[in-house]
PDB file of N, CA and C in Angstrom:
ATOM      1  N   MET A   1      57.421 -73.225  42.014  1.00  0.00           N
ATOM      2  CA  MET A   1      56.217 -73.489  41.241  1.00  0.00           C
ATOM      3  C   MET A   1      56.465 -73.082  39.794  1.00  0.00           C
ATOM      4  N   LYS A   2      55.909 -73.835  38.887  1.00  0.00           N
ATOM      5  CA  LYS A   2      56.078 -73.568  37.467  1.00  0.00           C
ATOM      6  C   LYS A   2      54.969 -72.659  36.946  1.00  0.00           C
ATOM      7  N   GLU A   3      55.279 -71.939  35.879  1.00  0.00           N
ATOM      8  CA  GLU A   3      54.276 -71.102  35.210  1.00  0.00           C
ATOM      9  C   GLU A   3      53.090 -71.959  34.758  1.00  0.00           C
ATOM     10  N   LEU A   4      53.371 -73.160  34.283  1.00  0.00           N
ATOM     11  CA  LEU A   4      52.311 -74.056  33.816  1.00  0.00           C
ATOM     12  C   LEU A   4      51.316 -74.375  34.931  1.00  0.00           C
ATOM     13  N   THR A   5      51.800 -74.509  36.150  1.00  0.00           N
ATOM     14  CA  THR A   5      50.918 -74.779  37.291  1.00  0.00           C
ATOM     15  C   THR A   5      49.937 -73.624  37.494  1.00  0.00           C
ATOM     16  N   VAL A   6      50.441 -72.400  37.414  1.00  0.00           N
ATOM     17  CA  VAL A   6      49.596 -71.211  37.563  1.00  0.00           C
ATOM     18  C   VAL A   6      48.597 -71.152  36.406  1.00  0.00           C
ATOM     19  N   GLU A   7      49.065 -71.441  35.197  1.00  0.00           N
ATOM     20  CA  GLU A   7      48.197 -71.405  34.019  1.00  0.00           C
ATOM     21  C   GLU A   7      47.067 -72.432  34.118  1.00  0.00           C
ATOM     22  N   GLN A   8      47.395 -73.650  34.504  1.00  0.00           N
ATOM     23  CA  GLN A   8      46.370 -74.691  34.630  1.00  0.00           C
ATOM     24  C   GLN A   8      45.339 -74.340  35.693  1.00  0.00           C
ATOM     25  N   TYR A   9      45.783 -73.731  36.770  1.00  0.00           N
ATOM     26  CA  TYR A   9      44.869 -73.309  37.826  1.00  0.00           C
ATOM     27  C   TYR A   9      43.952 -72.199  37.326  1.00  0.00           C
ATOM     28  N   LEU A  10      44.505 -71.248  36.583  1.00  0.00           N
ATOM     29  CA  LEU A  10      43.690 -70.179  35.991  1.00  0.00           C
ATOM     30  C   LEU A  10      42.613 -70.764  35.088  1.00  0.00           C
ATOM     31  N   ILE A  11      42.986 -71.667  34.216  1.00  0.00           N
ATOM     32  CA  ILE A  11      42.022 -72.286  33.294  1.00  0.00           C
ATOM     33  C   ILE A  11      40.911 -72.974  34.076  1.00  0.00           C
ATOM     34  N   LYS A  12      41.284 -73.749  35.085  1.00  0.00           N
ATOM     35  CA  LYS A  12      40.308 -74.477  35.905  1.00  0.00           C
ATOM     36  C   LYS A  12      39.320 -73.520  36.572  1.00  0.00           C
ATOM     37  N   ARG A  13      39.838 -72.449  37.177  1.00  0.00           N
ATOM     38  CA  ARG A  13      38.974 -71.489  37.875  1.00  0.00           C
ATOM     39  C   ARG A  13      38.048 -70.752  36.910  1.00  0.00           C
ATOM     40  N   VAL A  14      38.585 -70.327  35.778  1.00  0.00           N
ATOM     41  CA  VAL A  14      37.793 -69.571  34.798  1.00  0.00           C
ATOM     42  C   VAL A  14      36.713 -70.457  34.189  1.00  0.00           C
ATOM     43  N   GLU A  15      37.079 -71.651  33.778  1.00  0.00           N
ATOM     44  CA  GLU A  15      36.108 -72.546  33.147  1.00  0.00           C
ATOM     45  C   GLU A  15      35.043 -73.019  34.138  1.00  0.00           C
ATOM     46  N   ALA A  16      35.379 -73.097  35.417  1.00  0.00           N
ATOM     47  CA  ALA A  16      34.390 -73.468  36.439  1.00  0.00           C
ATOM     48  C   ALA A  16      33.271 -72.428  36.519  1.00  0.00           C
ATOM     49  N   LEU A  17      33.567 -71.211  36.122  1.00  0.00           N
ATOM     50  CA  LEU A  17      32.565 -70.147  36.104  1.00  0.00           C
ATOM     51  C   LEU A  17      31.767 -70.122  34.797  1.00  0.00           C
ATOM     52  N   GLY A  18      32.123 -71.013  33.868  1.00  0.00           N
ATOM     53  CA  GLY A  18      31.444 -71.060  32.580  1.00  0.00           C
ATOM     54  C   GLY A  18      31.996 -70.056  31.583  1.00  0.00           C
ATOM     55  N   TRP A  19      33.158 -69.473  31.888  1.00  0.00           N
ATOM     56  CA  TRP A  19      33.776 -68.504  31.001  1.00  0.00           C
ATOM     57  C   TRP A  19      34.811 -69.199  30.114  1.00  0.00           C
ATOM     58  N   TRP A  20      35.373 -68.458  29.195  1.00  0.00           N
ATOM     59  CA  TRP A  20      36.435 -68.980  28.322  1.00  0.00           C
ATOM     60  C   TRP A  20      37.779 -68.444  28.775  1.00  0.00           C
ATOM     61  N   CYS A  21      38.802 -69.277  28.605  1.00  0.00           N
ATOM     62  CA  CYS A  21      40.182 -68.887  28.902  1.00  0.00           C
ATOM     63  C   CYS A  21      41.016 -69.284  27.679  1.00  0.00           C
ATOM     64  N   LEU A  22      41.075 -68.383  26.711  1.00  0.00           N
ATOM     65  CA  LEU A  22      41.657 -68.684  25.409  1.00  0.00           C
ATOM     66  C   LEU A  22      43.159 -68.457  25.375  1.00  0.00           C
ATOM     67  N   LYS A  23      43.818 -69.227  24.509  1.00  0.00           N
ATOM     68  CA  LYS A  23      45.253 -69.066  24.294  1.00  0.00           C
ATOM     69  C   LYS A  23      45.499 -69.004  22.795  1.00  0.00           C
ATOM     70  N   PHE A  24      46.221 -67.979  22.370  1.00  0.00           N
ATOM     71  CA  PHE A  24      46.602 -67.872  20.969  1.00  0.00           C
ATOM     72  C   PHE A  24      48.058 -68.281  20.826  1.00  0.00           C
ATOM     73  N   PRO A  25      48.360 -69.057  19.790  1.00  0.00           N
ATOM     74  CA  PRO A  25      49.764 -69.453  19.588  1.00  0.00           C
ATOM     75  C   PRO A  25      50.645 -68.211  19.446  1.00  0.00           C
ATOM     76  N   PRO A  26      51.855 -68.238  20.002  1.00  0.00           N
ATOM     77  CA  PRO A  26      52.730 -67.059  19.975  1.00  0.00           C
ATOM     78  C   PRO A  26      53.139 -66.605  18.577  1.00  0.00           C
ATOM     79  N   LEU A  27      52.947 -67.428  17.572  1.00  0.00           N
ATOM     80  CA  LEU A  27      53.342 -67.030  16.225  1.00  0.00           C
ATOM     81  C   LEU A  27      52.457 -65.911  15.684  1.00  0.00           C
ATOM     82  N   PHE A  28      51.300 -65.672  16.291  1.00  0.00           N
ATOM     83  CA  PHE A  28      50.425 -64.598  15.829  1.00  0.00           C
ATOM     84  C   PHE A  28      50.964 -63.221  16.184  1.00  0.00           C
ATOM     85  N   PHE A  29      51.510 -63.070  17.388  1.00  0.00           N
ATOM     86  CA  PHE A  29      51.876 -61.744  17.854  1.00  0.00           C
ATOM     87  C   PHE A  29      52.861 -61.887  19.011  1.00  0.00           C
ATOM     88  N   ALA A  30      54.124 -61.652  18.756  1.00  0.00           N
ATOM     89  CA  ALA A  30      55.145 -61.757  19.808  1.00  0.00           C
ATOM     90  C   ALA A  30      54.841 -60.780  20.937  1.00  0.00           C
ATOM     91  N   GLY A  31      54.954 -61.236  22.168  1.00  0.00           N
ATOM     92  CA  GLY A  31      54.734 -60.392  23.330  1.00  0.00           C
ATOM     93  C   GLY A  31      53.302 -60.304  23.792  1.00  0.00           C
ATOM     94  N   PHE A  32      52.385 -60.916  23.061  1.00  0.00           N
ATOM     95  CA  PHE A  32      50.964 -60.873  23.430  1.00  0.00           C
ATOM     96  C   PHE A  32      50.741 -61.699  24.694  1.00  0.00           C
ATOM     97  N   PRO A  33      49.820 -61.279  25.572  1.00  0.00           N
ATOM     98  CA  PRO A  33      49.571 -62.032  26.810  1.00  0.00           C
ATOM     99  C   PRO A  33      49.229 -63.505  26.558  1.00  0.00           C
ATOM    100  N   ASP A  34      49.545 -64.333  27.540  1.00  0.00           N
ATOM    101  CA  ASP A  34      49.360 -65.782  27.419  1.00  0.00           C
ATOM    102  C   ASP A  34      47.900 -66.197  27.253  1.00  0.00           C
ATOM    103  N   ARG A  35      47.022 -65.561  27.992  1.00  0.00           N
ATOM    104  CA  ARG A  35      45.614 -65.978  28.016  1.00  0.00           C
ATOM    105  C   ARG A  35      44.684 -64.779  27.887  1.00  0.00           C
ATOM    106  N   ILE A  36      43.520 -65.029  27.323  1.00  0.00           N
ATOM    107  CA  ILE A  36      42.466 -64.022  27.248  1.00  0.00           C
ATOM    108  C   ILE A  36      41.231 -64.631  27.888  1.00  0.00           C
ATOM    109  N   ILE A  37      40.743 -63.970  28.918  1.00  0.00           N
ATOM    110  CA  ILE A  37      39.525 -64.429  29.591  1.00  0.00           C
ATOM    111  C   ILE A  37      38.348 -63.674  28.994  1.00  0.00           C
ATOM    112  N   LEU A  38      37.342 -64.435  28.574  1.00  0.00           N
ATOM    113  CA  LEU A  38      36.081 -63.865  28.098  1.00  0.00           C
ATOM    114  C   LEU A  38      35.013 -64.318  29.075  1.00  0.00           C
ATOM    115  N   GLY A  39      34.417 -63.353  29.772  1.00  0.00           N
ATOM    116  CA  GLY A  39      33.471 -63.686  30.821  1.00  0.00           C
ATOM    117  C   GLY A  39      32.139 -62.988  30.668  1.00  0.00           C
ATOM    118  N   ALA A  40      31.358 -63.067  31.725  1.00  0.00           N
ATOM    119  CA  ALA A  40      30.013 -62.493  31.754  1.00  0.00           C
ATOM    120  C   ALA A  40      30.058 -60.983  31.522  1.00  0.00           C
ATOM    121  N   ARG A  41      28.967 -60.464  30.994  1.00  0.00           N
ATOM    122  CA  ARG A  41      28.797 -59.025  30.747  1.00  0.00           C
ATOM    123  C   ARG A  41      29.904 -58.453  29.869  1.00  0.00           C
ATOM    124  N   ALA A  42      30.308 -59.207  28.860  1.00  0.00           N
ATOM    125  CA  ALA A  42      31.315 -58.776  27.884  1.00  0.00           C
ATOM    126  C   ALA A  42      32.663 -58.454  28.532  1.00  0.00           C
ATOM    127  N   THR A  43      33.008 -59.155  29.587  1.00  0.00           N
ATOM    128  CA  THR A  43      34.288 -58.959  30.267  1.00  0.00           C
ATOM    129  C   THR A  43      35.416 -59.564  29.439  1.00  0.00           C
ATOM    130  N   ILE A  44      36.477 -58.782  29.270  1.00  0.00           N
ATOM    131  CA  ILE A  44      37.684 -59.253  28.594  1.00  0.00           C
ATOM    132  C   ILE A  44      38.874 -58.893  29.475  1.00  0.00           C
ATOM    133  N   VAL A  45      39.684 -59.896  29.816  1.00  0.00           N
ATOM    134  CA  VAL A  45      40.886 -59.661  30.606  1.00  0.00           C
ATOM    135  C   VAL A  45      42.039 -60.414  29.943  1.00  0.00           C
ATOM    136  N   PHE A  46      43.122 -59.696  29.686  1.00  0.00           N
ATOM    137  CA  PHE A  46      44.332 -60.311  29.153  1.00  0.00           C
ATOM    138  C   PHE A  46      45.214 -60.684  30.337  1.00  0.00           C
ATOM    139  N   VAL A  47      45.750 -61.910  30.318  1.00  0.00           N
ATOM    140  CA  VAL A  47      46.535 -62.397  31.455  1.00  0.00           C
ATOM    141  C   VAL A  47      47.894 -62.897  30.976  1.00  0.00           C
ATOM    142  N   GLU A  48      48.936 -62.319  31.560  1.00  0.00           N
ATOM    143  CA  GLU A  48      50.306 -62.774  31.351  1.00  0.00           C
ATOM    144  C   GLU A  48      50.673 -63.615  32.558  1.00  0.00           C
ATOM    145  N   LEU A  49      51.075 -64.842  32.333  1.00  0.00           N
ATOM    146  CA  LEU A  49      51.422 -65.758  33.416  1.00  0.00           C
ATOM    147  C   LEU A  49      52.933 -65.868  33.542  1.00  0.00           C
ATOM    148  N   LYS A  50      53.391 -65.882  34.783  1.00  0.00           N
ATOM    149  CA  LYS A  50      54.820 -65.955  35.061  1.00  0.00           C
ATOM    150  C   LYS A  50      55.073 -66.917  36.212  1.00  0.00           C
ATOM    151  N   ARG A  51      56.313 -67.386  36.303  1.00  0.00           N
ATOM    152  CA  ARG A  51      56.726 -68.117  37.501  1.00  0.00           C
ATOM    153  C   ARG A  51      56.777 -67.117  38.644  1.00  0.00           C
ATOM    154  N   PRO A  52      56.633 -67.567  39.871  1.00  0.00           N
ATOM    155  CA  PRO A  52      56.695 -66.638  41.009  1.00  0.00           C
ATOM    156  C   PRO A  52      57.925 -65.737  40.951  1.00  0.00           C
ATOM    157  N   SER A  53      57.702 -64.473  41.219  1.00  0.00           N
ATOM    158  CA  SER A  53      58.733 -63.427  41.285  1.00  0.00           C
ATOM    159  C   SER A  53      59.294 -63.008  39.930  1.00  0.00           C
ATOM    160  N   LYS A  54      58.772 -63.520  38.839  1.00  0.00           N
ATOM    161  CA  LYS A  54      59.216 -63.096  37.509  1.00  0.00           C
ATOM    162  C   LYS A  54      58.304 -61.971  37.025  1.00  0.00           C
ATOM    163  N   THR A  55      58.828 -61.118  36.163  1.00  0.00           N
ATOM    164  CA  THR A  55      58.053 -59.999  35.625  1.00  0.00           C
ATOM    165  C   THR A  55      57.992 -60.095  34.102  1.00  0.00           C
ATOM    166  N   ALA A  56      57.149 -59.280  33.510  1.00  0.00           N
ATOM    167  CA  ALA A  56      57.008 -59.260  32.053  1.00  0.00           C
ATOM    168  C   ALA A  56      58.308 -58.771  31.414  1.00  0.00           C
ATOM    169  N   GLU A  57      58.619 -59.350  30.255  1.00  0.00           N
ATOM    170  CA  GLU A  57      59.784 -58.903  29.490  1.00  0.00           C
ATOM    171  C   GLU A  57      59.465 -57.565  28.842  1.00  0.00           C
ATOM    172  N   LYS A  58      60.477 -56.887  28.326  1.00  0.00           N
ATOM    173  CA  LYS A  58      60.294 -55.548  27.753  1.00  0.00           C
ATOM    174  C   LYS A  58      59.227 -55.524  26.659  1.00  0.00           C
ATOM    175  N   LEU A  59      59.298 -56.459  25.711  1.00  0.00           N
ATOM    176  CA  LEU A  59      58.315 -56.491  24.634  1.00  0.00           C
ATOM    177  C   LEU A  59      56.926 -56.738  25.196  1.00  0.00           C
ATOM    178  N   GLN A  60      56.804 -57.666  26.130  1.00  0.00           N
ATOM    179  CA  GLN A  60      55.506 -57.946  26.749  1.00  0.00           C
ATOM    180  C   GLN A  60      54.964 -56.701  27.449  1.00  0.00           C
ATOM    181  N   ALA A  61      55.819 -55.999  28.175  1.00  0.00           N
ATOM    182  CA  ALA A  61      55.387 -54.792  28.881  1.00  0.00           C
ATOM    183  C   ALA A  61      54.894 -53.728  27.906  1.00  0.00           C
ATOM    184  N   ARG A  62      55.550 -53.604  26.754  1.00  0.00           N
ATOM    185  CA  ARG A  62      55.094 -52.639  25.739  1.00  0.00           C
ATOM    186  C   ARG A  62      53.721 -53.005  25.199  1.00  0.00           C
ATOM    187  N   ILE A  63      53.517 -54.298  24.931  1.00  0.00           N
ATOM    188  CA  ILE A  63      52.212 -54.763  24.431  1.00  0.00           C
ATOM    189  C   ILE A  63      51.146 -54.537  25.503  1.00  0.00           C
ATOM    190  N   HIS A  64      51.454 -54.840  26.743  1.00  0.00           N
ATOM    191  CA  HIS A  64      50.505 -54.628  27.849  1.00  0.00           C
ATOM    192  C   HIS A  64      50.116 -53.155  27.932  1.00  0.00           C
ATOM    193  N   LYS A  65      51.099 -52.274  27.821  1.00  0.00           N
ATOM    194  CA  LYS A  65      50.834 -50.834  27.883  1.00  0.00           C
ATOM    195  C   LYS A  65      49.892 -50.403  26.759  1.00  0.00           C
ATOM    196  N   GLN A  66      50.122 -50.929  25.565  1.00  0.00           N
ATOM    197  CA  GLN A  66      49.257 -50.574  24.432  1.00  0.00           C
ATOM    198  C   GLN A  66      47.840 -51.101  24.643  1.00  0.00           C
ATOM    199  N   LEU A  67      47.706 -52.321  25.108  1.00  0.00           N
ATOM    200  CA  LEU A  67      46.378 -52.873  25.383  1.00  0.00           C
ATOM    201  C   LEU A  67      45.647 -52.029  26.426  1.00  0.00           C
ATOM    202  N   ARG A  68      46.372 -51.593  27.441  1.00  0.00           N
ATOM    203  CA  ARG A  68      45.762 -50.732  28.468  1.00  0.00           C
ATOM    204  C   ARG A  68      45.335 -49.394  27.880  1.00  0.00           C
ATOM    205  N   ARG A  69      46.137 -48.859  26.962  1.00  0.00           N
ATOM    206  CA  ARG A  69      45.759 -47.612  26.292  1.00  0.00           C
ATOM    207  C   ARG A  69      44.459 -47.780  25.520  1.00  0.00           C
ATOM    208  N   PHE A  70      44.231 -48.960  24.988  1.00  0.00           N
ATOM    209  CA  PHE A  70      42.986 -49.253  24.275  1.00  0.00           C
ATOM    210  C   PHE A  70      41.817 -49.455  25.231  1.00  0.00           C
ATOM    211  N   GLY A  71      42.105 -49.493  26.532  1.00  0.00           N
ATOM    212  CA  GLY A  71      41.054 -49.640  27.527  1.00  0.00           C
ATOM    213  C   GLY A  71      40.868 -51.048  28.058  1.00  0.00           C
ATOM    214  N   PHE A  72      41.744 -51.967  27.672  1.00  0.00           N
ATOM    215  CA  PHE A  72      41.632 -53.343  28.148  1.00  0.00           C
ATOM    216  C   PHE A  72      42.334 -53.511  29.493  1.00  0.00           C
ATOM    217  N   ARG A  73      41.867 -54.478  30.228  1.00  0.00           N
ATOM    218  CA  ARG A  73      42.509 -54.856  31.484  1.00  0.00           C
ATOM    219  C   ARG A  73      43.577 -55.898  31.187  1.00  0.00           C
ATOM    220  N   VAL A  74      44.775 -55.696  31.729  1.00  0.00           N
ATOM    221  CA  VAL A  74      45.889 -56.637  31.564  1.00  0.00           C
ATOM    222  C   VAL A  74      46.442 -56.928  32.949  1.00  0.00           C
ATOM    223  N   GLU A  75      46.572 -58.194  33.267  1.00  0.00           N
ATOM    224  CA  GLU A  75      47.101 -58.618  34.572  1.00  0.00           C
ATOM    225  C   GLU A  75      48.299 -59.544  34.366  1.00  0.00           C
ATOM    226  N   VAL A  76      49.313 -59.360  35.192  1.00  0.00           N
ATOM    227  CA  VAL A  76      50.461 -60.274  35.229  1.00  0.00           C
ATOM    228  C   VAL A  76      50.330 -61.050  36.530  1.00  0.00           C
ATOM    229  N   ILE A  77      50.224 -62.362  36.412  1.00  0.00           N
ATOM    230  CA  ILE A  77      49.961 -63.213  37.580  1.00  0.00           C
ATOM    231  C   ILE A  77      51.051 -64.267  37.703  1.00  0.00           C
ATOM    232  N   ASP A  78      51.561 -64.414  38.941  1.00  0.00           N
ATOM    233  CA  ASP A  78      52.641 -65.370  39.159  1.00  0.00           C
ATOM    234  C   ASP A  78      52.378 -66.353  40.305  1.00  0.00           C
ATOM    235  N   THR A  79      51.166 -66.329  40.864  1.00  0.00           N
ATOM    236  CA  THR A  79      50.844 -67.244  41.964  1.00  0.00           C
ATOM    237  C   THR A  79      49.395 -67.724  41.854  1.00  0.00           C
ATOM    238  N   LEU A  80      49.099 -68.802  42.561  1.00  0.00           N
ATOM    239  CA  LEU A  80      47.712 -69.287  42.614  1.00  0.00           C
ATOM    240  C   LEU A  80      46.837 -68.272  43.327  1.00  0.00           C
ATOM    241  N   GLU A  81      47.385 -67.613  44.346  1.00  0.00           N
ATOM    242  CA  GLU A  81      46.642 -66.580  45.067  1.00  0.00           C
ATOM    243  C   GLU A  81      46.317 -65.402  44.149  1.00  0.00           C
ATOM    244  N   GLY A  82      47.216 -65.114  43.227  1.00  0.00           N
ATOM    245  CA  GLY A  82      46.965 -64.065  42.240  1.00  0.00           C
ATOM    246  C   GLY A  82      45.808 -64.414  41.331  1.00  0.00           C
ATOM    247  N   VAL A  83      45.697 -65.691  40.975  1.00  0.00           N
ATOM    248  CA  VAL A  83      44.557 -66.156  40.179  1.00  0.00           C
ATOM    249  C   VAL A  83      43.267 -65.970  40.978  1.00  0.00           C
ATOM    250  N   ASP A  84      43.284 -66.385  42.232  1.00  0.00           N
ATOM    251  CA  ASP A  84      42.082 -66.247  43.077  1.00  0.00           C
ATOM    252  C   ASP A  84      41.671 -64.781  43.209  1.00  0.00           C
ATOM    253  N   ALA A  85      42.648 -63.894  43.386  1.00  0.00           N
ATOM    254  CA  ALA A  85      42.360 -62.459  43.514  1.00  0.00           C
ATOM    255  C   ALA A  85      41.754 -61.915  42.222  1.00  0.00           C
ATOM    256  N   LEU A  86      42.267 -62.352  41.095  1.00  0.00           N
ATOM    257  CA  LEU A  86      41.724 -61.921  39.806  1.00  0.00           C
ATOM    258  C   LEU A  86      40.267 -62.352  39.663  1.00  0.00           C
ATOM    259  N   ILE A  87      39.987 -63.604  39.965  1.00  0.00           N
ATOM    260  CA  ILE A  87      38.631 -64.131  39.829  1.00  0.00           C
ATOM    261  C   ILE A  87      37.650 -63.311  40.667  1.00  0.00           C
ATOM    262  N   LEU A  88      38.067 -62.889  41.835  1.00  0.00           N
ATOM    263  CA  LEU A  88      37.183 -62.105  42.714  1.00  0.00           C
ATOM    264  C   LEU A  88      36.864 -60.723  42.153  1.00  0.00           C
ATOM    265  N   THR A  89      37.687 -60.234  41.232  1.00  0.00           N
ATOM    266  CA  THR A  89      37.492 -58.879  40.702  1.00  0.00           C
ATOM    267  C   THR A  89      36.862 -58.832  39.327  1.00  0.00           C
ATOM    268  N   ILE A  90      36.569 -59.982  38.776  1.00  0.00           N
ATOM    269  CA  ILE A  90      35.957 -60.013  37.435  1.00  0.00           C
ATOM    270  C   ILE A  90      34.449 -60.016  37.592  1.00  0.00           C
TER     271      ILE A  90
END
């Protein structure tokens, strides 16, 4: 399965709930998560998408750690089931 498949599924699920699933071009900030979900009750979740069994690169992991220090939720998702699990927890 491709990362794009997981990303498209995430967008579909998030937008079906009436939320936003934003993407910032990588030229703004190297290592920044692929998507930002803005949902009900001021929910913000940063999502890094990967192909199955792949993990965040070193720079991405550092950015994720900093975002978590700021109190944000950051998820690395590599499957459609991971998207479904995320949606259930937002």
